Amino acid sequence: QSSGVGVNPQCLEAYQELKLGKKSKYIVFTLSKDVTEIVVEKTGPLSATYDDFLCDLPETECRWAVYDFDFEKEDGGKRSKITFFSWSPDDSKIKQKMLFASSKDALRRSLVGIAAEIQGTDISEVAHESVLDKVSRGH
């Protein structure tokens, strides 16, 4: 079920720049103030670290994000997987959690080429190690 929220075209532009242009490392998405559309809140430069990314996920508010996750395979080969994050921290308001949950599909469907998906309700679930474990499985 979708909440009828639209996806701002800027979301797709930012995603294409990350995916094809390799111009950014991550994108954080949020709902607009009037809750009518999903918008880009922030993009992280290529020089950004995973810790920088985690700092942009608020402790008490929901967000979605896309991160271009790099890792090394056991044979030494490098891999990159565009990973979609649903961030819904335990301390966020119930109403916001419901809004973000019902709006997620609109955003998720519009982003083609996502390789992995992470649900996070606290920082341990989005910690580098646990994400690496999920992202690198089967590769």
C-alpha atoms as a PDB file:
ATOM      1  CA  GLN A   1       0.000   0.000   0.000  1.00  0.00           C
ATOM      2  CA  SER A   2       1.355   3.400  -0.994  1.00  0.00           C
ATOM      3  CA  SER A   3       0.603   6.622   0.828  1.00  0.00           C
ATOM      4  CA  GLY A   4       0.179   8.459  -2.466  1.00  0.00           C
ATOM      5  CA  VAL A   5       3.428  10.334  -1.935  1.00  0.00           C
ATOM      6  CA  GLY A   6       5.282  11.463  -5.052  1.00  0.00           C
ATOM      7  CA  VAL A   7       8.991  11.131  -5.784  1.00  0.00           C
ATOM      8  CA  ASN A   8      10.666  14.441  -6.584  1.00  0.00           C
ATOM      9  CA  PRO A   9      12.576  14.225  -9.922  1.00  0.00           C
ATOM     10  CA  GLN A  10      15.696  15.387  -8.079  1.00  0.00           C
ATOM     11  CA  CYS A  11      15.760  12.002  -6.322  1.00  0.00           C
ATOM     12  CA  LEU A  12      16.203  10.226  -9.654  1.00  0.00           C
ATOM     13  CA  GLU A  13      18.762  12.744 -10.887  1.00  0.00           C
ATOM     14  CA  ALA A  14      20.842  12.307  -7.734  1.00  0.00           C
ATOM     15  CA  TYR A  15      20.545   8.522  -8.038  1.00  0.00           C
ATOM     16  CA  GLN A  16      21.708   8.524 -11.673  1.00  0.00           C
ATOM     17  CA  GLU A  17      24.676  10.683 -10.700  1.00  0.00           C
ATOM     18  CA  LEU A  18      25.626   8.187  -8.011  1.00  0.00           C
ATOM     19  CA  LYS A  19      24.994   5.092 -10.118  1.00  0.00           C
ATOM     20  CA  LEU A  20      26.227   6.123 -13.566  1.00  0.00           C
ATOM     21  CA  GLY A  21      28.211   9.273 -12.978  1.00  0.00           C
ATOM     22  CA  LYS A  22      29.898   8.042  -9.796  1.00  0.00           C
ATOM     23  CA  LYS A  23      29.667  11.639  -8.578  1.00  0.00           C
ATOM     24  CA  SER A  24      28.556  10.879  -5.057  1.00  0.00           C
ATOM     25  CA  LYS A  25      28.974   8.168  -2.438  1.00  0.00           C
ATOM     26  CA  TYR A  26      25.534   8.261  -0.895  1.00  0.00           C
ATOM     27  CA  ILE A  27      22.154   9.993  -0.893  1.00  0.00           C
ATOM     28  CA  VAL A  28      19.851  10.570   2.067  1.00  0.00           C
ATOM     29  CA  PHE A  29      16.156  10.940   1.252  1.00  0.00           C
ATOM     30  CA  THR A  30      13.352  12.280   3.421  1.00  0.00           C
ATOM     31  CA  LEU A  31       9.736  13.381   3.180  1.00  0.00           C
ATOM     32  CA  SER A  32       9.034  17.008   2.323  1.00  0.00           C
ATOM     33  CA  LYS A  33       7.695  19.202   5.131  1.00  0.00           C
ATOM     34  CA  ASP A  34       4.158  18.991   3.746  1.00  0.00           C
ATOM     35  CA  VAL A  35       4.519  15.221   3.342  1.00  0.00           C
ATOM     36  CA  THR A  36       3.529  15.258  -0.335  1.00  0.00           C
ATOM     37  CA  GLU A  37       6.775  14.026  -1.845  1.00  0.00           C
ATOM     38  CA  ILE A  38      10.083  12.330  -1.240  1.00  0.00           C
ATOM     39  CA  VAL A  39      13.054  14.677  -1.600  1.00  0.00           C
ATOM     40  CA  VAL A  40      16.844  14.573  -1.442  1.00  0.00           C
ATOM     41  CA  GLU A  41      18.040  15.774   1.936  1.00  0.00           C
ATOM     42  CA  LYS A  42      21.753  15.336   1.346  1.00  0.00           C
ATOM     43  CA  THR A  43      24.321  13.768  -0.930  1.00  0.00           C
ATOM     44  CA  GLY A  44      27.723  12.643   0.268  1.00  0.00           C
ATOM     45  CA  PRO A  45      30.834  13.378  -1.803  1.00  0.00           C
ATOM     46  CA  LEU A  46      32.952  10.540  -3.183  1.00  0.00           C
ATOM     47  CA  SER A  47      35.500  11.271  -0.456  1.00  0.00           C
ATOM     48  CA  ALA A  48      32.895  10.563   2.246  1.00  0.00           C
ATOM     49  CA  THR A  49      33.378   7.594   4.568  1.00  0.00           C
ATOM     50  CA  TYR A  50      30.797   5.148   5.842  1.00  0.00           C
ATOM     51  CA  ASP A  51      31.007   6.905   9.212  1.00  0.00           C
ATOM     52  CA  ASP A  52      30.103  10.187   7.517  1.00  0.00           C
ATOM     53  CA  PHE A  53      27.069   8.441   6.088  1.00  0.00           C
ATOM     54  CA  LEU A  54      25.976   7.096   9.479  1.00  0.00           C
ATOM     55  CA  CYS A  55      26.271  10.593  10.949  1.00  0.00           C
ATOM     56  CA  ASP A  56      23.664  11.744   8.418  1.00  0.00           C
ATOM     57  CA  LEU A  57      21.098   9.238   9.720  1.00  0.00           C
ATOM     58  CA  PRO A  58      19.311  11.065  12.558  1.00  0.00           C
ATOM     59  CA  GLU A  59      18.962   9.197  15.846  1.00  0.00           C
ATOM     60  CA  THR A  60      15.265   9.937  16.256  1.00  0.00           C
ATOM     61  CA  GLU A  61      13.947  10.381  12.713  1.00  0.00           C
ATOM     62  CA  CYS A  62      13.267   8.071   9.797  1.00  0.00           C
ATOM     63  CA  ARG A  63      15.135   8.346   6.501  1.00  0.00           C
ATOM     64  CA  TRP A  64      15.817   6.367   3.359  1.00  0.00           C
ATOM     65  CA  ALA A  65      19.244   6.275   1.827  1.00  0.00           C
ATOM     66  CA  VAL A  66      21.292   4.814  -0.981  1.00  0.00           C
ATOM     67  CA  TYR A  67      24.957   4.017  -0.434  1.00  0.00           C
ATOM     68  CA  ASP A  68      27.465   2.842  -3.028  1.00  0.00           C
ATOM     69  CA  PHE A  69      29.008   0.116  -0.894  1.00  0.00           C
ATOM     70  CA  ASP A  70      32.497  -1.066  -1.870  1.00  0.00           C
ATOM     71  CA  PHE A  71      34.013  -4.271  -0.577  1.00  0.00           C
ATOM     72  CA  GLU A  72      36.724  -6.756  -1.466  1.00  0.00           C
ATOM     73  CA  LYS A  73      35.992 -10.316  -2.376  1.00  0.00           C
ATOM     74  CA  GLU A  74      38.034 -13.102  -0.849  1.00  0.00           C
ATOM     75  CA  ASP A  75      39.969 -13.466  -4.098  1.00  0.00           C
ATOM     76  CA  GLY A  76      40.945  -9.815  -3.802  1.00  0.00           C
ATOM     77  CA  GLY A  77      38.583  -8.531  -6.462  1.00  0.00           C
ATOM     78  CA  LYS A  78      36.771  -5.300  -5.704  1.00  0.00           C
ATOM     79  CA  ARG A  79      33.007  -5.123  -5.770  1.00  0.00           C
ATOM     80  CA  SER A  80      30.547  -2.306  -5.479  1.00  0.00           C
ATOM     81  CA  LYS A  81      26.882  -2.712  -4.604  1.00  0.00           C
ATOM     82  CA  ILE A  82      24.320   0.034  -4.533  1.00  0.00           C
ATOM     83  CA  THR A  83      22.521  -0.549  -1.271  1.00  0.00           C
ATOM     84  CA  PHE A  84      19.128   0.827  -0.242  1.00  0.00           C
ATOM     85  CA  PHE A  85      18.613   1.677   3.428  1.00  0.00           C
ATOM     86  CA  SER A  86      15.323   2.034   5.262  1.00  0.00           C
ATOM     87  CA  TRP A  87      16.220   3.813   8.484  1.00  0.00           C
ATOM     88  CA  SER A  88      13.441   3.700  11.067  1.00  0.00           C
ATOM     89  CA  PRO A  89      15.021   4.143  14.498  1.00  0.00           C
ATOM     90  CA  ASP A  90      13.231   2.841  17.576  1.00  0.00           C
ATOM     91  CA  ASP A  91      13.101   6.365  19.003  1.00  0.00           C
ATOM     92  CA  SER A  92      11.301   7.922  16.042  1.00  0.00           C
ATOM     93  CA  LYS A  93       7.632   8.840  16.318  1.00  0.00           C
ATOM     94  CA  ILE A  94       5.086   6.131  15.479  1.00  0.00           C
ATOM     95  CA  LYS A  95       3.320   8.376  12.970  1.00  0.00           C
ATOM     96  CA  GLN A  96       6.577   9.065  11.140  1.00  0.00           C
ATOM     97  CA  LYS A  97       7.459   5.364  11.076  1.00  0.00           C
ATOM     98  CA  MET A  98       4.093   4.581   9.486  1.00  0.00           C
ATOM     99  CA  LEU A  99       4.431   7.356   6.921  1.00  0.00           C
ATOM    100  CA  PHE A 100       7.918   6.249   5.933  1.00  0.00           C
ATOM    101  CA  ALA A 101       6.896   2.596   5.793  1.00  0.00           C
ATOM    102  CA  SER A 102       3.945   3.310   3.499  1.00  0.00           C
ATOM    103  CA  SER A 103       5.940   5.661   1.261  1.00  0.00           C
ATOM    104  CA  LYS A 104       8.995   3.460   0.828  1.00  0.00           C
ATOM    105  CA  ASP A 105       7.779   1.544  -2.216  1.00  0.00           C
ATOM    106  CA  ALA A 106       7.300   4.691  -4.283  1.00  0.00           C
ATOM    107  CA  LEU A 107      10.972   5.556  -3.844  1.00  0.00           C
ATOM    108  CA  ARG A 108      12.296   2.005  -3.968  1.00  0.00           C
ATOM    109  CA  ARG A 109      10.476   1.215  -7.224  1.00  0.00           C
ATOM    110  CA  SER A 110      11.837   4.301  -8.937  1.00  0.00           C
ATOM    111  CA  LEU A 111      15.480   3.395  -8.205  1.00  0.00           C
ATOM    112  CA  VAL A 112      16.541   0.782 -10.732  1.00  0.00           C
ATOM    113  CA  GLY A 113      19.663  -1.265 -10.066  1.00  0.00           C
ATOM    114  CA  ILE A 114      19.620  -1.555  -6.285  1.00  0.00           C
ATOM    115  CA  ALA A 115      21.666  -4.636  -5.372  1.00  0.00           C
ATOM    116  CA  ALA A 116      20.955  -4.979  -1.654  1.00  0.00           C
ATOM    117  CA  GLU A 117      18.533  -3.694   0.922  1.00  0.00           C
ATOM    118  CA  ILE A 118      19.083  -2.964   4.601  1.00  0.00           C
ATOM    119  CA  GLN A 119      16.459  -2.302   7.257  1.00  0.00           C
ATOM    120  CA  GLY A 120      17.768  -0.430  10.268  1.00  0.00           C
ATOM    121  CA  THR A 121      16.050   0.317  13.566  1.00  0.00           C
ATOM    122  CA  ASP A 122      19.215   0.984  15.530  1.00  0.00           C
ATOM    123  CA  ILE A 123      22.814   1.797  14.746  1.00  0.00           C
ATOM    124  CA  SER A 124      24.037  -1.794  15.201  1.00  0.00           C
ATOM    125  CA  GLU A 125      21.888  -2.919  12.266  1.00  0.00           C
ATOM    126  CA  VAL A 126      23.527  -0.409   9.950  1.00  0.00           C
ATOM    127  CA  ALA A 127      27.051  -0.839  11.327  1.00  0.00           C
ATOM    128  CA  HIS A 128      29.662  -1.415   8.627  1.00  0.00           C
ATOM    129  CA  GLU A 129      30.297  -5.028   9.630  1.00  0.00           C
ATOM    130  CA  SER A 130      26.658  -6.122   9.562  1.00  0.00           C
ATOM    131  CA  VAL A 131      26.008  -4.367   6.252  1.00  0.00           C
ATOM    132  CA  LEU A 132      29.178  -5.839   4.757  1.00  0.00           C
ATOM    133  CA  ASP A 133      27.978  -9.270   5.864  1.00  0.00           C
ATOM    134  CA  LYS A 134      24.613  -8.842   4.098  1.00  0.00           C
ATOM    135  CA  VAL A 135      25.974  -7.152   0.992  1.00  0.00           C
ATOM    136  CA  SER A 136      28.845  -9.553   0.340  1.00  0.00           C
ATOM    137  CA  ARG A 137      26.877 -12.768   0.863  1.00  0.00           C
ATOM    138  CA  GLY A 138      26.801 -15.059  -2.130  1.00  0.00           C
ATOM    139  CA  HIS A 139      29.447 -13.134  -4.053  1.00  0.00           C
END
